[in-house]
N, C-alpha and C. Protein backbone atom coordinates (compact mmCIF):
# COMPACT_ATOMS: atom_id res chain seq x y z
N UNK A 1 0.26 -14.66 -17.96
CA UNK A 1 0.66 -13.46 -17.99
C UNK A 1 1.30 -13.50 -16.26
N UNK A 2 1.89 -12.71 -16.92
CA UNK A 2 3.83 -12.06 -15.74
C UNK A 2 2.96 -11.61 -14.39
N UNK A 3 3.91 -11.45 -13.83
CA UNK A 3 3.41 -11.29 -12.10
C UNK A 3 3.84 -9.74 -12.27
N UNK A 4 2.64 -9.03 -11.94
CA UNK A 4 3.23 -7.28 -12.18
C UNK A 4 3.78 -7.09 -10.99
N UNK A 5 5.17 -6.22 -11.02
CA UNK A 5 5.93 -5.81 -10.17
C UNK A 5 6.32 -3.82 -9.62
N UNK A 6 5.77 -3.30 -9.03
CA UNK A 6 5.85 -2.07 -8.85
C UNK A 6 7.34 -1.91 -8.24
N UNK A 7 8.32 -1.25 -9.32
CA UNK A 7 9.72 -0.84 -9.37
C UNK A 7 9.99 0.73 -9.16
N UNK A 8 10.97 1.13 -8.13
CA UNK A 8 11.37 2.20 -8.44
C UNK A 8 12.31 1.91 -9.82
N UNK A 9 11.52 3.69 -10.50
CA UNK A 9 12.16 3.94 -11.95
C UNK A 9 14.00 3.95 -12.20
N UNK A 10 14.13 4.20 -11.09
CA UNK A 10 15.68 4.85 -10.89
C UNK A 10 16.52 3.33 -11.15
N UNK A 11 16.17 2.29 -10.38
CA UNK A 11 16.64 0.97 -9.77
C UNK A 11 16.96 0.56 -11.60
N UNK A 12 15.76 0.99 -12.76
CA UNK A 12 15.85 0.37 -13.92
C UNK A 12 16.86 1.30 -14.66
N UNK A 13 17.37 2.31 -13.98
CA UNK A 13 18.21 3.10 -15.18
C UNK A 13 17.66 4.47 -14.94
N UNK A 14 16.62 5.05 -15.28
CA UNK A 14 15.75 5.85 -15.34
C UNK A 14 16.94 6.92 -14.34
N UNK A 15 17.14 8.19 -15.06
CA UNK A 15 18.00 9.14 -13.96
C UNK A 15 16.54 10.32 -13.66
N UNK A 16 16.08 9.56 -12.58
CA UNK A 16 15.07 10.53 -11.57
C UNK A 16 15.15 10.78 -10.51
N UNK A 17 16.75 10.61 -9.79
CA UNK A 17 17.07 10.73 -8.78
C UNK A 17 16.98 12.28 -8.11
N UNK A 18 17.20 12.65 -7.24
CA UNK A 18 17.08 14.05 -7.07
C UNK A 18 18.36 14.41 -7.49
N UNK A 19 19.46 14.27 -7.76
CA UNK A 19 20.35 14.36 -8.43
C UNK A 19 20.95 14.94 -10.13
N UNK A 20 19.64 13.82 -10.34
CA UNK A 20 19.46 13.69 -11.65
C UNK A 20 20.54 12.35 -11.96
N UNK A 21 20.80 11.19 -11.41
CA UNK A 21 21.42 9.96 -11.79
C UNK A 21 20.55 8.97 -11.58
N UNK A 22 21.11 7.97 -11.28
CA UNK A 22 20.45 6.56 -11.70
C UNK A 22 20.43 5.90 -10.47
N UNK A 23 19.89 4.71 -9.84
CA UNK A 23 20.41 3.82 -9.47
C UNK A 23 20.70 2.11 -9.67
N UNK A 24 20.36 2.15 -11.30
CA UNK A 24 20.35 1.02 -11.60
C UNK A 24 21.01 -0.41 -11.57
N UNK A 25 20.47 -1.50 -11.40
CA UNK A 25 20.98 -2.38 -10.44
C UNK A 25 20.74 -4.14 -11.20
N UNK A 26 21.48 -4.08 -12.27
CA UNK A 26 21.32 -5.17 -13.19
C UNK A 26 21.43 -6.80 -12.43
N UNK A 27 21.78 -6.51 -11.43
CA UNK A 27 21.73 -7.77 -10.41
C UNK A 27 19.86 -7.93 -9.94
N UNK A 28 19.37 -6.77 -9.53
CA UNK A 28 17.98 -6.87 -9.29
C UNK A 28 17.52 -7.39 -10.24
N UNK A 29 17.33 -6.65 -12.06
CA UNK A 29 16.76 -6.75 -12.77
C UNK A 29 16.78 -8.24 -13.26
N UNK A 30 17.79 -8.95 -13.13
CA UNK A 30 18.11 -10.01 -13.53
C UNK A 30 17.03 -11.61 -12.97
N UNK A 31 16.82 -10.63 -11.37
CA UNK A 31 16.19 -11.68 -10.64
C UNK A 31 14.75 -11.25 -10.82
N UNK A 32 14.02 -10.05 -11.65
CA UNK A 32 13.12 -9.67 -12.17
C UNK A 32 12.50 -10.08 -13.75
N UNK A 33 13.17 -10.69 -14.17
CA UNK A 33 13.40 -11.22 -15.61
C UNK A 33 12.25 -11.51 -15.84
N UNK A 34 11.35 -12.51 -14.97
CA UNK A 34 10.30 -13.24 -15.68
C UNK A 34 8.77 -12.46 -15.12
N UNK A 35 9.40 -11.32 -14.82
CA UNK A 35 7.83 -10.35 -14.17
C UNK A 35 7.74 -9.28 -15.27
N UNK A 36 6.64 -8.66 -14.86
CA UNK A 36 6.12 -7.61 -15.85
C UNK A 36 6.21 -6.79 -14.48
N UNK A 37 7.50 -5.35 -15.24
CA UNK A 37 7.83 -4.68 -14.13
C UNK A 37 7.35 -3.49 -14.61
N UNK A 38 6.31 -2.22 -13.75
CA UNK A 38 5.21 -1.01 -13.52
C UNK A 38 6.92 0.09 -12.71
N UNK A 39 7.35 0.65 -13.40
CA UNK A 39 8.20 1.96 -12.90
C UNK A 39 7.42 3.19 -12.39
N UNK A 40 8.44 3.19 -10.77
CA UNK A 40 7.12 4.82 -10.84
C UNK A 40 8.29 5.40 -10.32
N UNK A 41 7.83 6.82 -10.15
CA UNK A 41 8.84 7.77 -8.80
C UNK A 41 8.19 9.15 -8.70
N UNK A 42 7.59 9.11 -7.49
CA UNK A 42 6.23 9.85 -7.27
C UNK A 42 7.43 11.17 -7.30
N UNK A 43 8.50 11.49 -6.67
CA UNK A 43 9.19 12.57 -6.46
C UNK A 43 9.67 13.32 -8.32
N UNK A 44 10.04 12.42 -8.86
CA UNK A 44 9.69 12.78 -10.26
C UNK A 44 8.68 14.00 -10.68
N UNK A 45 7.71 12.93 -10.81
CA UNK A 45 6.47 13.25 -10.99
C UNK A 45 6.27 14.55 -10.13
N UNK A 46 6.19 14.70 -9.28
CA UNK A 46 6.09 15.75 -8.51
C UNK A 46 6.35 16.54 -8.58
N UNK A 47 7.99 16.53 -8.89
CA UNK A 47 8.95 17.85 -8.45
C UNK A 47 9.84 18.02 -9.14
N UNK A 48 9.85 17.35 -10.30
CA UNK A 48 10.98 17.17 -11.56
C UNK A 48 12.76 16.75 -11.05
N UNK A 49 12.93 16.40 -12.05
CA UNK A 49 14.56 16.46 -11.92
C UNK A 49 15.78 16.93 -12.70
N UNK A 50 16.78 17.40 -11.80
CA UNK A 50 17.13 17.22 -10.47
C UNK A 50 15.66 18.56 -9.28
N UNK A 51 16.32 17.81 -8.49
CA UNK A 51 15.28 18.72 -7.55
C UNK A 51 15.94 18.67 -5.74
N UNK A 52 15.63 19.70 -5.04
CA UNK A 52 16.07 19.22 -3.63
C UNK A 52 15.75 18.43 -2.88
N UNK A 53 16.47 18.30 -2.05
CA UNK A 53 16.67 16.94 -1.41
C UNK A 53 15.05 17.06 -0.37
N UNK A 54 15.04 15.82 0.28
CA UNK A 54 13.36 16.38 1.24
C UNK A 54 13.75 15.04 2.49
N UNK A 55 13.22 14.71 3.43
CA UNK A 55 13.60 14.28 4.94
C UNK A 55 11.98 14.15 5.35
N UNK A 56 12.03 13.15 5.96
CA UNK A 56 10.23 12.53 6.47
C UNK A 56 10.78 13.13 8.04
N UNK A 57 9.87 13.73 8.34
CA UNK A 57 9.84 14.44 9.76
C UNK A 57 8.95 13.84 10.73
N UNK A 58 8.91 13.71 11.48
CA UNK A 58 7.42 13.26 12.95
C UNK A 58 7.08 14.13 13.45
N UNK A 59 6.17 14.81 12.67
CA UNK A 59 5.75 15.99 13.51
C UNK A 59 4.77 15.48 14.80
N UNK A 60 4.51 14.63 15.19
CA UNK A 60 4.09 14.36 16.09
C UNK A 60 2.52 14.07 15.88
N UNK A 61 1.99 14.16 15.01
CA UNK A 61 0.63 14.07 14.93
C UNK A 61 0.75 13.08 13.23
N UNK A 62 1.99 13.02 12.03
CA UNK A 62 2.09 12.29 11.33
C UNK A 62 3.26 12.17 10.72
N UNK A 63 3.77 11.05 9.75
CA UNK A 63 5.49 11.26 9.63
C UNK A 63 5.15 12.41 7.87
N UNK A 64 5.99 13.02 7.61
CA UNK A 64 5.74 13.86 6.57
C UNK A 64 7.26 14.13 5.99
N UNK A 65 6.98 14.20 4.49
CA UNK A 65 8.21 14.52 3.59
C UNK A 65 8.69 16.20 3.29
N UNK A 66 9.66 16.51 4.11
CA UNK A 66 9.68 18.40 4.19
C UNK A 66 10.79 18.15 3.10
N UNK A 67 11.06 19.37 2.31
CA UNK A 67 11.58 20.17 1.50
C UNK A 67 13.08 20.60 2.22
N UNK A 68 14.42 20.11 2.21
CA UNK A 68 15.59 20.89 3.03
C UNK A 68 15.87 22.25 2.45
N UNK A 69 15.59 22.49 1.24
CA UNK A 69 15.65 23.65 1.03
C UNK A 69 14.24 24.94 1.03
N UNK A 70 13.11 24.52 1.59
CA UNK A 70 12.46 25.20 1.94
C UNK A 70 11.50 25.17 3.20
N UNK A 71 11.71 24.34 3.16
CA UNK A 71 10.98 23.80 4.54
C UNK A 71 8.98 23.13 4.56
N UNK A 72 9.10 23.14 2.73
CA UNK A 72 7.58 23.03 2.60
C UNK A 72 7.36 21.43 2.60
N UNK A 73 6.09 21.44 2.89
CA UNK A 73 5.82 19.81 3.41
C UNK A 73 5.36 19.52 1.42
N UNK A 74 6.05 18.06 1.09
CA UNK A 74 5.77 17.81 0.23
C UNK A 74 5.14 16.73 -0.12
N UNK A 75 4.28 16.39 1.60
CA UNK A 75 3.89 15.15 1.35
C UNK A 75 2.67 14.75 0.42
N UNK A 76 1.47 16.04 0.00
CA UNK A 76 0.96 15.79 -0.13
C UNK A 76 0.36 15.42 -1.78
N UNK A 77 1.31 15.56 -2.63
CA UNK A 77 1.30 15.43 -3.93
C UNK A 77 2.00 13.67 -4.17
N UNK A 78 2.90 13.56 -3.31
CA UNK A 78 3.81 12.33 -3.53
C UNK A 78 2.35 11.36 -2.72
N UNK A 79 1.27 11.75 -1.65
CA UNK A 79 0.63 10.51 -0.94
C UNK A 79 -0.55 10.64 -2.36
N UNK A 80 -1.05 12.04 -3.09
CA UNK A 80 -1.55 11.94 -4.06
C UNK A 80 -1.59 10.65 -5.22
N UNK A 81 -0.28 10.46 -5.99
CA UNK A 81 0.31 10.02 -6.95
C UNK A 81 0.26 8.87 -6.39
N UNK A 82 0.55 8.53 -5.03
CA UNK A 82 0.90 6.38 -4.53
C UNK A 82 -0.70 6.36 -5.04
N UNK A 83 -1.33 7.09 -4.44
CA UNK A 83 -2.95 6.14 -4.03
C UNK A 83 -3.36 6.25 -5.92
N UNK A 84 -3.14 6.98 -6.73
CA UNK A 84 -3.58 7.22 -7.83
C UNK A 84 -2.87 5.88 -8.93
N UNK A 85 -1.46 5.35 -8.81
CA UNK A 85 -0.70 4.51 -8.78
C UNK A 85 -1.08 3.41 -9.05
N UNK A 86 -1.59 2.77 -7.57
CA UNK A 86 -2.33 1.49 -7.29
C UNK A 86 -3.50 1.84 -7.17
N UNK A 87 -4.45 2.57 -7.65
CA UNK A 87 -5.62 2.71 -7.83
C UNK A 87 -5.54 2.44 -9.48
N UNK A 88 -4.73 2.58 -10.42
CA UNK A 88 -4.23 2.31 -11.43
C UNK A 88 -3.93 1.08 -12.03
N UNK A 89 -3.24 0.30 -11.29
CA UNK A 89 -2.41 -0.71 -10.87
C UNK A 89 -2.90 -1.85 -10.06
N UNK A 90 -4.14 -1.92 -10.36
CA UNK A 90 -4.91 -3.00 -9.06
C UNK A 90 -4.31 -4.06 -8.85
N UNK A 91 -3.32 -4.91 -9.75
CA UNK A 91 -2.77 -5.72 -9.94
C UNK A 91 -1.20 -5.92 -9.54
N UNK A 92 -0.74 -5.36 -9.02
CA UNK A 92 0.03 -5.09 -8.45
C UNK A 92 0.74 -6.15 -7.92
N UNK A 93 1.76 -7.17 -7.14
CA UNK A 93 1.58 -7.79 -6.70
C UNK A 93 2.99 -7.94 -5.64
N UNK A 94 3.85 -7.59 -5.98
CA UNK A 94 5.05 -7.24 -5.68
C UNK A 94 5.56 -5.38 -5.73
N UNK A 95 5.94 -4.96 -4.92
CA UNK A 95 6.85 -4.12 -4.45
C UNK A 95 7.78 -3.64 -4.14
N UNK A 96 8.75 -3.20 -5.16
CA UNK A 96 10.40 -2.87 -4.79
C UNK A 96 10.83 -1.90 -4.82
N UNK A 97 10.98 -0.89 -3.40
CA UNK A 97 11.61 0.09 -3.49
C UNK A 97 12.98 0.53 -3.58
N UNK A 98 13.36 1.51 -3.55
CA UNK A 98 14.83 2.21 -3.40
C UNK A 98 15.08 2.68 -1.81
N UNK A 99 16.21 1.48 -1.28
CA UNK A 99 16.44 1.52 0.09
C UNK A 99 16.99 3.32 0.20
N UNK A 100 16.55 3.70 1.57
CA UNK A 100 16.97 4.77 2.41
C UNK A 100 15.72 6.24 1.57
N UNK A 101 15.13 5.81 0.24
CA UNK A 101 14.33 6.95 0.13
C UNK A 101 13.39 7.19 0.89
N UNK A 102 12.61 8.67 0.85
CA UNK A 102 11.60 8.67 1.68
C UNK A 102 10.31 9.04 0.89
N UNK A 103 10.43 8.27 0.12
CA UNK A 103 9.02 7.83 -0.60
C UNK A 103 9.31 6.47 -1.14
N UNK A 104 10.51 5.81 -1.33
CA UNK A 104 10.17 4.59 -1.56
C UNK A 104 10.67 3.22 -1.02
N UNK A 105 11.20 3.95 0.16
CA UNK A 105 11.84 2.89 1.22
C UNK A 105 11.45 2.50 1.59
N UNK A 106 11.22 1.17 1.82
CA UNK A 106 10.02 0.14 2.32
C UNK A 106 10.92 -0.23 3.78
N UNK A 107 11.35 -0.21 4.60
CA UNK A 107 11.70 -0.29 6.10
C UNK A 107 13.08 0.23 6.43
N UNK A 108 14.13 1.42 5.31
CA UNK A 108 15.33 1.46 5.64
C UNK A 108 15.24 2.96 5.28
N UNK A 109 14.24 3.87 5.41
CA UNK A 109 13.56 5.31 5.13
C UNK A 109 14.17 5.43 6.47
N UNK A 110 14.72 6.68 6.34
CA UNK A 110 15.44 7.67 8.36
C UNK A 110 14.51 8.78 8.29
N UNK A 111 13.67 8.60 9.42
CA UNK A 111 12.84 9.72 10.05
C UNK A 111 13.63 10.26 11.46
N UNK A 112 13.51 11.95 11.00
CA UNK A 112 14.37 12.74 11.66
C UNK A 112 12.97 13.34 12.54
N UNK A 113 12.96 13.95 14.00
CA UNK A 113 12.17 14.98 14.68
C UNK A 113 12.61 16.19 13.78
N UNK A 114 11.33 17.03 14.43
CA UNK A 114 11.46 18.74 13.92
C UNK A 114 12.93 18.97 13.95
N UNK A 115 14.33 18.76 15.02
CA UNK A 115 15.26 19.26 15.27
C UNK A 115 16.18 18.58 14.34
N UNK A 116 16.15 17.11 13.47
CA UNK A 116 16.60 16.90 12.23
C UNK A 116 17.33 16.40 13.39
N UNK A 117 16.80 15.45 14.03
CA UNK A 117 17.68 14.56 14.90
C UNK A 117 16.66 13.44 14.48
N UNK A 118 18.06 12.12 14.30
CA UNK A 118 17.29 11.55 13.62
C UNK A 118 16.65 9.98 15.13
N UNK A 119 15.40 9.67 14.77
CA UNK A 119 14.74 9.35 15.70
C UNK A 119 14.03 7.52 14.84
N UNK A 120 14.50 7.29 14.04
CA UNK A 120 14.24 6.05 12.98
C UNK A 120 15.02 5.59 12.37
N UNK A 121 15.86 4.58 11.95
CA UNK A 121 16.72 4.68 10.36
C UNK A 121 15.85 3.22 9.81
N UNK A 122 14.69 2.77 10.42
CA UNK A 122 13.95 1.49 10.03
C UNK A 122 12.19 2.27 8.99
N UNK A 123 12.47 3.86 9.12
CA UNK A 123 11.21 4.13 8.73
C UNK A 123 10.62 3.44 6.89
N UNK A 124 9.07 3.97 6.52
CA UNK A 124 8.74 3.74 5.80
C UNK A 124 8.54 5.09 5.09
N UNK A 125 9.16 4.95 3.70
CA UNK A 125 8.58 5.89 3.02
C UNK A 125 7.07 6.36 2.41
N UNK A 126 6.83 7.31 2.03
CA UNK A 126 5.48 7.42 1.82
C UNK A 126 4.46 6.56 0.55
N UNK A 127 5.46 6.42 -0.44
CA UNK A 127 4.58 5.45 -1.37
C UNK A 127 4.96 4.24 -0.63
N UNK A 128 5.84 3.88 -0.25
CA UNK A 128 6.13 2.26 0.50
C UNK A 128 5.15 2.16 1.72
N UNK A 129 4.93 2.86 2.29
CA UNK A 129 3.40 2.88 3.25
C UNK A 129 2.17 2.58 2.18
N UNK A 130 1.92 3.17 1.25
CA UNK A 130 0.66 2.79 0.21
C UNK A 130 0.99 1.58 -0.22
N UNK A 131 2.41 0.83 -0.52
CA UNK A 131 2.13 -0.31 -0.96
C UNK A 131 1.48 -1.17 0.48
N UNK A 132 2.04 -1.15 1.40
CA UNK A 132 2.17 -1.84 2.48
C UNK A 132 0.75 -1.94 3.57
N UNK A 133 -0.25 -1.19 3.27
CA UNK A 133 -1.32 -0.58 3.58
C UNK A 133 -2.30 -1.33 2.40
N UNK A 134 -1.78 -1.76 1.32
CA UNK A 134 -2.25 -1.94 0.41
C UNK A 134 -2.36 -3.63 0.29
N UNK A 135 -1.33 -3.93 1.52
CA UNK A 135 -1.13 -5.49 1.48
C UNK A 135 -0.44 -5.93 0.37
N UNK A 136 0.55 -4.95 -0.31
CA UNK A 136 1.38 -5.89 -1.52
C UNK A 136 2.79 -6.20 -0.68
N UNK A 137 3.23 -6.85 -1.13
CA UNK A 137 4.53 -7.94 -0.56
C UNK A 137 5.41 -6.67 -0.93
N UNK A 138 6.42 -6.28 0.19
CA UNK A 138 6.88 -5.11 -0.17
C UNK A 138 8.42 -5.33 0.19
N UNK A 139 9.57 -5.01 -0.44
CA UNK A 139 10.94 -4.79 -0.54
C UNK A 139 11.93 -3.68 -0.54
N UNK A 140 12.65 -3.41 0.02
CA UNK A 140 13.96 -2.38 -0.21
C UNK A 140 14.68 -3.19 -1.20
N UNK A 141 15.12 -2.47 -2.14
CA UNK A 141 15.74 -3.46 -3.04
C UNK A 141 16.75 -4.10 -2.77
N UNK A 142 17.84 -3.38 -1.63
CA UNK A 142 18.77 -4.71 -1.29
C UNK A 142 18.68 -5.64 -0.72
N UNK A 143 17.40 -5.53 0.21
CA UNK A 143 16.21 -6.68 0.53
C UNK A 143 16.31 -8.02 0.12
N UNK A 144 15.88 -7.30 -1.11
CA UNK A 144 15.22 -8.36 -2.29
C UNK A 144 16.56 -9.03 -2.53
N UNK A 145 17.43 -8.62 -3.00
CA UNK A 145 18.85 -9.25 -3.88
C UNK A 145 18.84 -9.88 -2.59
N UNK A 146 19.09 -9.66 -1.25
CA UNK A 146 19.91 -10.37 -0.41
C UNK A 146 19.40 -11.68 -0.25
N UNK A 147 17.66 -11.70 -0.27
CA UNK A 147 16.79 -13.35 0.02
C UNK A 147 16.59 -13.72 -0.89
N UNK A 148 16.60 -12.92 -2.37
CA UNK A 148 16.08 -14.30 -3.70
C UNK A 148 17.21 -14.30 -4.55
N UNK A 149 18.65 -13.57 -4.30
CA UNK A 149 20.12 -14.00 -4.96
C UNK A 149 20.49 -15.16 -5.27
N UNK A 150 20.62 -16.37 -5.99
CA UNK A 150 20.71 -17.44 -5.71
C UNK A 150 22.37 -17.71 -6.06
């Protein structure tokens, strides 16, 4: 039985980025050829594609995904999706997220204060946070490639 890996769908070539493009990464997929890949994209699921961008904002109480178009808090749907994904896929052993994504970035998501000043360039996206809280080994895609590319 192959080890199950949760992977950002855009890295597989799915055109689910905010602008309708992908982040297809053949080097990454070659490294993962012996794994069972389980694609996810909370933003596409919750808001469709294309969609307005969002940023992670430190509200002082929590980190929230806020729409750059409307100012709406988009976090509840992303958190619900992440919880349901991991509840459904309890045997995920590895999480690979898209770098810098407010949902999927493991240690590269940008976090801003309420005035949009950058306060942390090494934040964790909302979906990646759920993976880490479940003690799933987690990497940004670029970090995984650097660490494991032979």
